Structure formats: structure tokens, C-alpha cells
Amino acid sequence: MVLSPVARGRTRAIPLPAIQKDPMFNQVRRAVTRATKLSRAGKLIAATLVMRDAVAASVKPPRKKRAAVPKPRKATTAKARALPAPAKPRATLGETVRRISAGGMPAIAAKTATKAAVARGASFRLGSFSGESGKRSYKLYIPARPAGAAGQGALMPLVVMLHGCTQTPDDFATGTGMNRLADAQGFMVVYPAQPRGANNNRCWNWFKPADQGRDQGEPALIAGITRKILHDHPADPKRVYVAGLSAGGAAAAILAHAYPDLFAAAGVHSGVPIGAAGDATQAFLAMRAGSPGSRLGVAMPTIIFHGDADSVVHPRNGRALAARSLATFPRLKETVRPGRRADGRAFSQTTHSAASGKSFCEYWAVQDAGHAWSGGAAAGSFTDPAGPDASGEMLRFFLQHRLGQKV
């Protein structure tokens, strides 16, 4: 259960996503427990069969809809009427299991890697960080200060961007367009890189216990990169934010809550809640059926984007992320705003704001969108140009928050 605000500062209990009371979900969860024991005993084939039978029993065939009778329309151009195609059907069990075993978050092959564009006067350079948990490279974008921005000696905000599976810093920068926003608004962006040596698909290992806590594993490495940049460059330590896609989104949530003294806000796109999995088998269940995640220990302003037709990471995960985040802010006002991008996808924006108008939790559900960065550029992988601008909205949300501020 989570707490939701009502009048006069009181709170009432509301349920987390309905999967907690869904008998099919509980049946699959029991199967996962059994499959986990089999896997640890080395009986991989038996474990896979258990999961296959459980998932097959939990998937309901879609209802057939009556064909709608088209109404007469005024003549218009094909270009004006063209709508984005809906997301592809959910991946098969065998395909999903193979991909999780190979890397941690199913993903199609990325596009051919190309270098991200660099504006005149800006820099996009490779760096590296070494610590007790290992070594990671990164690319740091430092913009040329735009006209009207703060003076030469002013500190700039810093956004940490965690790519999805099979992606690279250049690919992610191209697809999200975050460097372009950095040029326009004067902030730095760092893209930590996950090597194949750490994960076959370059996924961040969000489902491994050793990579889920403070001062250990990948969270320690990414925090180390962040601190290195704060030390070496004119970045504002009170305005540091983290965002990610898919496995990177899951890792971003873990990182922000592991280091609330370092990050002022987080953005999670197509990810899963903290505590959704402790191994590959549990990761499969979380991605396939959704997970309520774990109760959060600290309040972290969070903005979530998720396509409601995501066939890789179930949309229930996005709703669970929002519910868990909201539970840490008990006195917020909820506002729901439907919208549509011009010639693109419809969406619903649910905002939870303080009396000051500052939002502390936002959930964007994008209609008919799949597993892709909403509003991203077609030149990058895993992007949906027809969706609302996730990069712009995340930046707007981030810049409302600084370390040390109260609700």
C-alpha cells in the first residue's frame, strides 16, 4: 500500500498496481520461486519449462473488437493524416529468456553506431574513471555557452544519462537530443558507457544484487564518474540529475536512491522499480508481468515515461515506479492532463505538485508507444519521434529541484 494526499494534510491508503492482487500474477510469482531454485541447482531446462508453462497460463487472448464503421471525412493529404504505427507484439518467451540470459534486458540490435553531432564551440570528449568496483569510460558534453546564459564563471547543471541495452554514449546522445538541449540551455551531460565485458548486451546490471546498492558495483562507478566531473569541471553540485532508458532507467532509479546526497532528481524511461528483481529469472517476471518493486527509503523527485504498448518492459512497471515515488511525498496535489503531439501520439501526464506549484512526481503514459525514447530523433536507436518530448520534459522537471530544498 502507498499513501495518497487528501484534504487537510491527511493521508489515505491506496493500493499499488493491481498485479499484487492478481491471482495469475501470484501463480507466476510462485513459478518464479520454483524456477529460481531449479536454476541454482543447475537444472536450467527444467526451470525454463516451469516459466514457459506459467507464462502461457497467465496470458489471456485479446478480445476481438467489432470493426468500426468509418465516418465520412473531408479530403486531406496523406501526410497530414499519417499516424505512427502501434508498437510490435510482446516478444516470445524463448526470445525473452535468451536475451535476459545474454544481457539483462531484452533489446533489438542497435543501429550502426555514428558519432553524435557537436555544436561549434562545444566539446564531446572521452574520459574514464577507476575505482574499487572497476573501471568505466564515459563521454562528457560541455556546451558553448549560449547567448543570454549565465556568465563565464557560473556553475552549470549536470545531467547523467544511462543508455539502454546495445546502445553507446554517441547513439544515446543522438537519439535523445540531450546535447542539443545542453547547447540551448547551458548544462553539461555525461554518458557513462557499459562495456561488453561487464554485460554481453551492454546493459546496466540492474537485476544483480551486487549492482543495486551504495558504494558497490555499478552505482559506485557511476557515482565516481559524477564526482570526478564535479571536481574537474564547473558543474553545480546542487543541480545534478540522472536519467536512463530501459536497463539504464532501472539503473538510474537505483543510483538516485543510493546517492540522494549527490542527485537532486531522477528520470526513468521504460524502466522497472527498485527491488523488482534479484536475478535473471526474477527480471523476466518483472519485465513480462510487471513488479510492484520495494518501498523506498528516501524521497527523490522522479519523472517517469512509459509507452502503454511496450512489449519489452510491461507498462505496469511505470505505474509502480510512480506509486513508489509518490509514497515518499504524502502531501501533493494530483493533476491529470491528456494531450497529443501534433501529428503524433496521444499521452496522459499525471503530475503531483506541492502548494508552490513545483512537481515532485510525474508519470507520462504514451499511447500506442513501444520500448523507445519518446520524442527522440530517428537517427538514434530505440526512439519514437512521434511521442511527446521526454528529453525536454525531463529537463524542465529537473531544473525545478536542487539539493537541500524542502517540499
Protein backbone atom coordinates (compact mmCIF):
# COMPACT_ATOMS: atom_id res chain seq x y z
CA MET A 1 0.00 0.00 0.00
CA VAL A 2 1.05 3.61 -0.57
CA LEU A 3 -0.19 6.89 0.83
CA SER A 4 -2.04 9.46 -1.20
CA PRO A 5 -2.89 13.02 -0.12
CA VAL A 6 -6.36 14.19 0.83
CA ALA A 7 -7.64 17.43 2.30
CA ARG A 8 -6.18 18.96 5.49
CA GLY A 9 -2.87 17.13 5.17
CA ARG A 10 -4.32 13.72 5.99
CA THR A 11 -3.49 10.61 4.02
CA ARG A 12 -5.46 7.62 2.85
CA ALA A 13 -4.29 4.20 1.75
CA ILE A 14 -4.44 3.31 -1.91
CA PRO A 15 -3.29 0.06 -3.48
CA LEU A 16 -0.17 -0.34 -5.57
CA PRO A 17 -0.71 -1.66 -9.12
CA ALA A 18 -3.35 -4.37 -9.29
CA ILE A 19 -0.79 -7.07 -10.04
CA GLN A 20 -0.36 -7.57 -6.28
CA LYS A 21 -3.91 -8.99 -6.04
CA ASP A 22 -3.96 -10.65 -9.45
CA PRO A 23 -4.18 -14.45 -8.96
CA MET A 24 -2.41 -15.01 -12.27
CA PHE A 25 0.46 -12.83 -11.13
CA ASN A 26 0.75 -14.74 -7.87
CA GLN A 27 0.72 -18.00 -9.81
CA VAL A 28 3.60 -16.81 -11.98
CA ARG A 29 5.46 -15.49 -8.93
CA ARG A 30 5.28 -18.93 -7.32
CA ALA A 31 6.59 -20.41 -10.57
CA VAL A 32 9.49 -17.98 -10.50
CA THR A 33 10.41 -19.08 -6.99
CA ARG A 34 10.42 -22.69 -8.13
CA ALA A 35 12.34 -21.86 -11.32
CA THR A 36 14.94 -19.92 -9.33
CA LYS A 37 15.62 -22.96 -7.13
CA LEU A 38 15.95 -25.16 -10.21
CA SER A 39 18.32 -22.68 -11.86
CA ARG A 40 20.54 -22.52 -8.82
CA ALA A 41 20.61 -26.32 -8.80
CA GLY A 42 21.86 -26.28 -12.38
CA LYS A 43 18.57 -27.58 -13.85
CA LEU A 44 18.19 -24.84 -16.47
CA ILE A 45 15.94 -26.77 -18.85
CA ALA A 46 13.50 -27.66 -16.06
CA ALA A 47 13.49 -24.04 -14.89
CA THR A 48 12.71 -22.78 -18.40
CA LEU A 49 9.83 -25.26 -18.76
CA VAL A 50 8.34 -24.13 -15.45
CA MET A 51 8.44 -20.49 -16.60
CA ARG A 52 7.04 -21.38 -20.03
CA ASP A 53 4.01 -23.13 -18.57
CA ALA A 54 3.36 -20.38 -16.02
CA VAL A 55 3.53 -17.54 -18.52
CA ALA A 56 1.43 -19.42 -21.08
CA ALA A 57 -1.28 -19.86 -18.44
CA SER A 58 -1.16 -16.17 -17.48
CA VAL A 59 -1.52 -14.69 -20.97
CA LYS A 60 -5.11 -14.06 -21.95
CA PRO A 61 -6.06 -13.95 -25.65
CA PRO A 62 -7.08 -10.45 -26.75
CA ARG A 63 -10.77 -9.76 -27.22
CA LYS A 64 -11.97 -9.36 -30.74
CA LYS A 65 -13.26 -5.90 -31.48
CA ARG A 66 -16.03 -5.10 -33.89
CA ALA A 67 -14.87 -3.29 -36.95
CA ALA A 68 -15.76 0.37 -36.65
CA VAL A 69 -17.83 1.89 -39.42
CA PRO A 70 -15.76 4.73 -40.87
CA LYS A 71 -17.40 8.13 -40.93
CA PRO A 72 -17.14 10.36 -43.99
CA ARG A 73 -14.14 12.68 -43.77
CA LYS A 74 -13.11 15.77 -45.59
CA ALA A 75 -10.40 15.35 -48.19
CA THR A 76 -6.92 15.82 -46.77
CA THR A 77 -3.35 14.94 -47.62
CA ALA A 78 -1.90 11.54 -46.71
CA LYS A 79 0.95 13.24 -44.86
CA ALA A 80 -1.39 15.16 -42.56
CA ARG A 81 -3.38 12.02 -41.75
CA ALA A 82 -0.45 9.63 -41.32
CA LEU A 83 -0.29 8.23 -37.79
CA PRO A 84 2.59 6.36 -36.18
CA ALA A 85 2.35 2.59 -36.23
CA PRO A 86 1.49 0.91 -32.90
CA ALA A 87 4.18 -0.98 -31.05
CA LYS A 88 5.04 -4.55 -32.04
CA PRO A 89 3.52 -7.54 -30.15
CA ARG A 90 5.23 -8.77 -26.99
CA ALA A 91 8.32 -10.94 -27.59
CA THR A 92 8.03 -14.71 -27.25
CA LEU A 93 9.11 -16.48 -24.05
CA GLY A 94 12.09 -18.21 -25.64
CA GLU A 95 13.34 -14.99 -27.20
CA THR A 96 12.98 -13.10 -23.92
CA VAL A 97 14.76 -15.77 -21.86
CA ARG A 98 17.67 -15.89 -24.33
CA ARG A 99 18.10 -12.14 -24.25
CA ILE A 100 17.92 -11.87 -20.47
CA SER A 101 20.50 -14.63 -20.12
CA ALA A 102 22.74 -12.78 -22.57
CA GLY A 103 22.43 -9.38 -21.02
CA GLY A 104 19.67 -8.47 -18.59
CA MET A 105 17.08 -6.53 -20.63
CA PRO A 106 15.73 -7.71 -23.99
CA ALA A 107 16.58 -5.43 -26.87
CA ILE A 108 16.79 -5.49 -30.63
CA ALA A 109 20.09 -4.74 -32.33
CA ALA A 110 21.01 -1.07 -32.29
CA LYS A 111 21.56 0.92 -35.45
CA THR A 112 25.01 1.34 -36.89
CA ALA A 113 26.99 3.46 -34.45
CA THR A 114 27.69 7.02 -35.59
CA LYS A 115 29.35 9.88 -33.77
CA ALA A 116 26.98 12.38 -32.19
CA ALA A 117 26.99 15.87 -33.64
CA VAL A 118 28.95 18.51 -31.72
CA ALA A 119 27.97 22.17 -31.90
CA ARG A 120 30.53 24.82 -32.74
CA GLY A 121 32.49 25.77 -29.65
CA ALA A 122 31.26 22.72 -27.69
CA SER A 123 33.18 19.53 -26.85
CA PHE A 124 32.21 15.86 -26.55
CA ARG A 125 35.22 14.03 -25.17
CA LEU A 126 36.02 10.56 -23.92
CA GLY A 127 37.11 10.08 -20.30
CA SER A 128 37.49 7.26 -17.81
CA PHE A 129 37.14 6.58 -14.10
CA SER A 130 38.69 3.83 -11.99
CA GLY A 131 37.61 2.81 -8.51
CA GLU A 132 37.37 -0.15 -6.17
CA SER A 133 34.49 -1.57 -8.23
CA GLY A 134 36.37 -1.42 -11.53
CA LYS A 135 36.70 0.98 -14.42
CA ARG A 136 34.26 2.67 -16.79
CA SER A 137 34.68 5.07 -19.66
CA TYR A 138 32.29 7.94 -20.37
CA LYS A 139 31.72 10.81 -22.79
CA LEU A 140 31.22 14.31 -21.44
CA TYR A 141 29.43 17.04 -23.40
CA ILE A 142 30.36 20.61 -22.48
CA PRO A 143 28.35 23.16 -24.47
CA ALA A 144 29.43 26.51 -25.80
CA ARG A 145 27.65 28.94 -23.51
CA PRO A 146 24.50 30.17 -25.33
CA ALA A 147 23.56 33.84 -25.63
CA GLY A 148 21.75 35.04 -22.53
CA ALA A 149 23.16 32.26 -20.32
CA ALA A 150 24.96 32.83 -17.06
CA GLY A 151 28.44 34.33 -17.09
CA GLN A 152 31.67 32.52 -17.81
CA GLY A 153 32.35 31.66 -14.17
CA ALA A 154 28.87 30.34 -13.35
CA LEU A 155 28.35 26.70 -12.47
CA MET A 156 26.31 24.59 -14.87
CA PRO A 157 23.80 21.83 -14.06
CA LEU A 158 24.95 18.27 -14.84
CA VAL A 159 22.75 15.51 -16.29
CA VAL A 160 23.94 11.88 -16.11
CA MET A 161 22.45 9.81 -18.96
CA LEU A 162 22.43 5.98 -18.74
CA HIS A 163 21.93 4.28 -22.11
CA GLY A 164 19.84 1.18 -22.76
CA CYS A 165 20.97 -2.26 -23.90
CA THR A 166 23.15 -2.43 -27.06
CA GLN A 167 23.45 1.37 -27.06
CA THR A 168 26.56 3.54 -26.79
CA PRO A 169 27.04 7.10 -25.48
CA ASP A 170 27.07 8.52 -29.03
CA ASP A 171 23.97 6.60 -30.06
CA PHE A 172 22.12 7.62 -26.90
CA ALA A 173 23.15 11.25 -27.27
CA THR A 174 21.94 11.25 -30.88
CA GLY A 175 18.63 9.59 -30.08
CA THR A 176 17.68 11.66 -27.02
CA GLY A 177 18.88 15.00 -28.38
CA MET A 178 20.10 15.92 -24.90
CA ASN A 179 23.26 17.59 -26.22
CA ARG A 180 21.17 19.92 -28.35
CA LEU A 181 19.24 20.97 -25.24
CA ALA A 182 22.55 21.41 -23.42
CA ASP A 183 23.67 23.90 -26.09
CA ALA A 184 20.41 25.83 -25.81
CA GLN A 185 20.17 25.96 -22.02
CA GLY A 186 23.75 25.72 -20.81
CA PHE A 187 24.25 22.45 -18.90
CA MET A 188 26.70 19.54 -19.11
CA VAL A 189 25.79 15.96 -19.99
CA VAL A 190 27.79 12.84 -19.16
CA TYR A 191 27.13 9.43 -20.72
CA PRO A 192 28.74 6.55 -18.78
CA ALA A 193 29.45 3.58 -21.08
CA GLN A 194 28.74 -0.04 -20.20
CA PRO A 195 31.30 -2.34 -21.92
CA ARG A 196 30.56 -5.80 -23.29
CA GLY A 197 32.98 -7.20 -20.73
CA ALA A 198 30.51 -6.25 -17.99
CA ASN A 199 27.40 -7.31 -19.91
CA ASN A 200 27.10 -9.02 -23.31
CA ASN A 201 24.39 -6.61 -24.45
CA ARG A 202 25.96 -3.53 -22.80
CA CYS A 203 23.02 -3.48 -20.35
CA TRP A 204 23.47 -1.99 -16.91
CA ASN A 205 23.14 -4.89 -14.46
CA TRP A 206 20.12 -3.54 -12.60
CA PHE A 207 18.93 -7.02 -11.59
CA LYS A 208 22.12 -8.15 -9.80
CA PRO A 209 22.27 -7.59 -6.00
CA ALA A 210 25.92 -6.50 -6.26
CA ASP A 211 24.84 -3.62 -8.54
CA GLN A 212 21.89 -2.37 -6.51
CA GLY A 213 23.40 -0.52 -3.56
CA ARG A 214 25.54 2.37 -2.44
CA ASP A 215 29.33 2.14 -2.57
CA GLN A 216 29.33 -1.08 -4.57
CA GLY A 217 29.25 -2.28 -8.16
CA GLU A 218 27.96 -0.10 -10.96
CA PRO A 219 26.25 2.52 -8.74
CA ALA A 220 29.64 3.25 -7.13
CA LEU A 221 31.30 3.55 -10.56
CA ILE A 222 28.67 5.93 -11.94
CA ALA A 223 28.72 8.00 -8.74
CA GLY A 224 32.51 8.11 -9.06
CA ILE A 225 32.25 9.43 -12.62
CA THR A 226 29.80 12.08 -11.43
CA ARG A 227 32.05 13.23 -8.60
CA LYS A 228 35.06 13.34 -10.92
CA ILE A 229 33.24 15.71 -13.24
CA LEU A 230 32.10 17.88 -10.33
CA HIS A 231 35.74 18.10 -9.25
CA ASP A 232 37.27 18.73 -12.69
CA HIS A 233 34.65 20.97 -14.34
CA PRO A 234 32.40 23.93 -13.47
CA ALA A 235 29.37 21.78 -12.64
CA ASP A 236 26.91 22.77 -9.90
CA PRO A 237 26.89 20.13 -7.11
CA LYS A 238 23.37 21.18 -6.09
CA ARG A 239 21.95 20.58 -9.60
CA VAL A 240 22.98 17.07 -10.61
CA TYR A 241 20.37 14.78 -12.20
CA VAL A 242 20.26 11.25 -13.57
CA ALA A 243 18.09 9.70 -16.29
CA GLY A 244 18.08 6.49 -18.28
CA LEU A 245 16.25 4.24 -20.74
CA SER A 246 15.22 0.62 -20.14
CA ALA A 247 18.07 -1.07 -18.22
CA GLY A 248 19.56 2.43 -17.92
CA GLY A 249 16.26 3.67 -16.48
CA ALA A 250 16.28 0.91 -13.86
CA ALA A 251 19.89 1.76 -13.04
CA ALA A 252 19.04 5.48 -12.82
CA ALA A 253 16.37 4.80 -10.19
CA ILE A 254 18.80 2.66 -8.18
CA LEU A 255 21.55 5.27 -8.43
CA ALA A 256 19.37 8.21 -7.38
CA HIS A 257 18.09 6.45 -4.27
CA ALA A 258 21.51 5.07 -3.38
CA TYR A 259 23.01 8.59 -3.57
CA PRO A 260 20.33 11.13 -2.52
CA ASP A 261 23.19 13.36 -1.37
CA LEU A 262 24.51 13.52 -4.94
CA PHE A 263 21.40 13.64 -7.17
CA ALA A 264 18.58 16.18 -6.92
CA ALA A 265 16.09 14.36 -9.22
CA ALA A 266 15.74 11.32 -11.47
CA GLY A 267 14.14 10.42 -14.80
CA VAL A 268 13.15 6.84 -15.67
CA HIS A 269 12.08 5.93 -19.21
CA SER A 270 10.69 2.42 -19.84
CA GLY A 271 12.34 1.04 -16.70
CA VAL A 272 11.41 -1.05 -13.67
CA PRO A 273 11.05 -0.10 -9.99
CA ILE A 274 13.80 -0.62 -7.43
CA GLY A 275 13.71 -4.12 -5.95
CA ALA A 276 11.95 -5.63 -8.96
CA ALA A 277 14.49 -8.45 -9.35
CA GLY A 278 17.49 -10.13 -7.75
CA ASP A 279 18.45 -12.45 -10.62
CA ALA A 280 17.70 -13.10 -14.31
CA THR A 281 14.63 -15.22 -13.62
CA GLN A 282 13.01 -12.54 -11.46
CA ALA A 283 14.00 -9.96 -14.08
CA PHE A 284 12.00 -11.93 -16.64
CA LEU A 285 8.89 -11.85 -14.44
CA ALA A 286 9.25 -8.13 -13.74
CA MET A 287 9.59 -7.26 -17.40
CA ARG A 288 6.92 -9.65 -18.59
CA ALA A 289 4.20 -9.13 -15.97
CA GLY A 290 5.28 -6.04 -14.01
CA SER A 291 6.55 -5.69 -10.46
CA PRO A 292 5.46 -3.52 -7.51
CA GLY A 293 9.11 -3.10 -6.51
CA SER A 294 10.22 -2.24 -2.98
CA ARG A 295 9.32 0.51 -0.55
CA LEU A 296 11.66 3.49 -0.94
CA GLY A 297 13.65 4.82 2.00
CA VAL A 298 14.16 8.39 0.77
CA ALA A 299 12.17 10.98 -1.16
CA MET A 300 13.55 11.55 -4.66
CA PRO A 301 11.77 13.80 -7.21
CA THR A 302 11.12 11.49 -10.17
CA ILE A 303 9.65 11.80 -13.65
CA ILE A 304 8.60 8.62 -15.46
CA PHE A 305 7.87 7.96 -19.14
CA HIS A 306 6.44 4.65 -20.38
CA GLY A 307 4.70 3.55 -23.57
CA ASP A 308 1.39 1.79 -22.90
CA ALA A 309 2.17 -0.71 -25.70
CA ASP A 310 5.72 -1.52 -24.53
CA SER A 311 6.33 -5.17 -25.48
CA VAL A 312 9.69 -5.41 -23.65
CA VAL A 313 9.06 -3.85 -20.23
CA HIS A 314 5.43 -4.06 -19.11
CA PRO A 315 3.72 -0.68 -18.52
CA ARG A 316 2.77 -1.81 -15.01
CA ASN A 317 6.38 -1.10 -14.08
CA GLY A 318 5.98 2.58 -14.93
CA ARG A 319 2.87 2.82 -12.78
CA ALA A 320 4.66 1.07 -9.92
CA LEU A 321 7.59 3.49 -10.19
CA ALA A 322 5.18 6.41 -9.87
CA ALA A 323 3.32 4.84 -6.94
CA ARG A 324 6.52 4.12 -5.03
CA SER A 325 7.82 7.64 -5.64
CA LEU A 326 4.52 9.25 -4.65
CA ALA A 327 4.51 7.34 -1.36
CA THR A 328 7.52 9.39 -0.21
CA PHE A 329 5.66 12.69 -0.79
CA PRO A 330 2.45 12.47 1.29
CA ARG A 331 1.03 15.98 0.71
CA LEU A 332 0.88 16.58 -3.02
CA LYS A 333 -1.92 17.65 -5.34
CA GLU A 334 -2.66 15.40 -8.32
CA THR A 335 -3.39 16.82 -11.77
CA VAL A 336 -4.11 14.71 -14.86
CA ARG A 337 -3.66 16.32 -18.26
CA PRO A 338 -4.38 14.50 -21.53
CA GLY A 339 -2.64 15.70 -24.66
CA ARG A 340 -1.39 14.83 -28.11
CA ARG A 341 1.74 15.72 -30.01
CA ALA A 342 0.95 17.39 -33.33
CA ASP A 343 0.58 14.62 -35.93
CA GLY A 344 1.82 12.18 -33.31
CA ARG A 345 0.88 10.17 -30.26
CA ALA A 346 -1.63 10.94 -27.54
CA PHE A 347 -0.46 10.87 -23.93
CA SER A 348 -1.59 11.35 -20.33
CA GLN A 349 0.51 13.40 -17.92
CA THR A 350 -0.17 12.80 -14.22
CA THR A 351 1.54 15.40 -12.03
CA HIS A 352 1.83 15.51 -8.24
CA SER A 353 2.71 19.01 -7.05
CA ALA A 354 3.28 20.91 -3.83
CA ALA A 355 1.35 24.06 -2.91
CA SER A 356 4.14 26.08 -4.52
CA GLY A 357 3.34 24.51 -7.90
CA LYS A 358 6.61 22.56 -8.05
CA SER A 359 6.07 18.98 -9.23
CA PHE A 360 7.77 16.14 -7.34
CA CYS A 361 6.39 13.14 -9.21
CA GLU A 362 5.23 12.95 -12.83
CA TYR A 363 4.05 9.95 -14.82
CA TRP A 364 3.71 10.19 -18.60
CA ALA A 365 1.82 7.32 -20.27
CA VAL A 366 2.32 7.46 -24.04
CA GLN A 367 -0.47 5.89 -26.09
CA ASP A 368 0.47 3.07 -28.52
CA ALA A 369 4.18 3.68 -27.86
CA GLY A 370 6.63 0.79 -27.56
CA HIS A 371 10.03 0.38 -25.96
CA ALA A 372 11.63 3.62 -27.15
CA TRP A 373 12.66 7.12 -26.02
CA SER A 374 9.62 9.33 -26.53
CA GLY A 375 10.18 12.22 -28.90
CA GLY A 376 13.69 11.05 -29.76
CA ALA A 377 15.47 11.51 -33.09
CA ALA A 378 15.08 8.80 -35.74
CA ALA A 379 18.87 8.77 -36.24
CA GLY A 380 19.30 7.06 -32.86
CA SER A 381 18.20 3.58 -31.78
CA PHE A 382 15.14 2.88 -29.61
CA THR A 383 13.47 6.22 -30.34
CA ASP A 384 9.87 7.21 -31.05
CA PRO A 385 9.86 10.60 -32.83
CA ALA A 386 6.03 10.68 -32.70
CA GLY A 387 5.86 10.83 -28.91
CA PRO A 388 5.99 13.83 -26.55
CA ASP A 389 9.47 15.25 -25.92
CA ALA A 390 10.81 13.19 -22.99
CA SER A 391 14.18 14.97 -23.00
CA GLY A 392 12.65 18.43 -22.82
CA GLU A 393 10.11 17.46 -20.18
CA MET A 394 12.73 15.73 -18.05
CA LEU A 395 14.96 18.78 -18.18
CA ARG A 396 12.05 21.06 -17.21
CA PHE A 397 11.28 18.77 -14.29
CA PHE A 398 14.93 18.51 -13.21
CA LEU A 399 15.60 22.23 -13.11
CA GLN A 400 12.83 22.74 -10.54
CA HIS A 401 14.95 20.87 -7.98
CA ARG A 402 18.18 21.47 -6.08
CA LEU A 403 19.82 19.50 -3.31
CA GLY A 404 18.77 20.70 0.13
CA GLN A 405 15.38 22.07 -0.87
CA LYS A 406 12.28 21.04 1.07
CA VAL A 407 8.90 20.04 -0.36
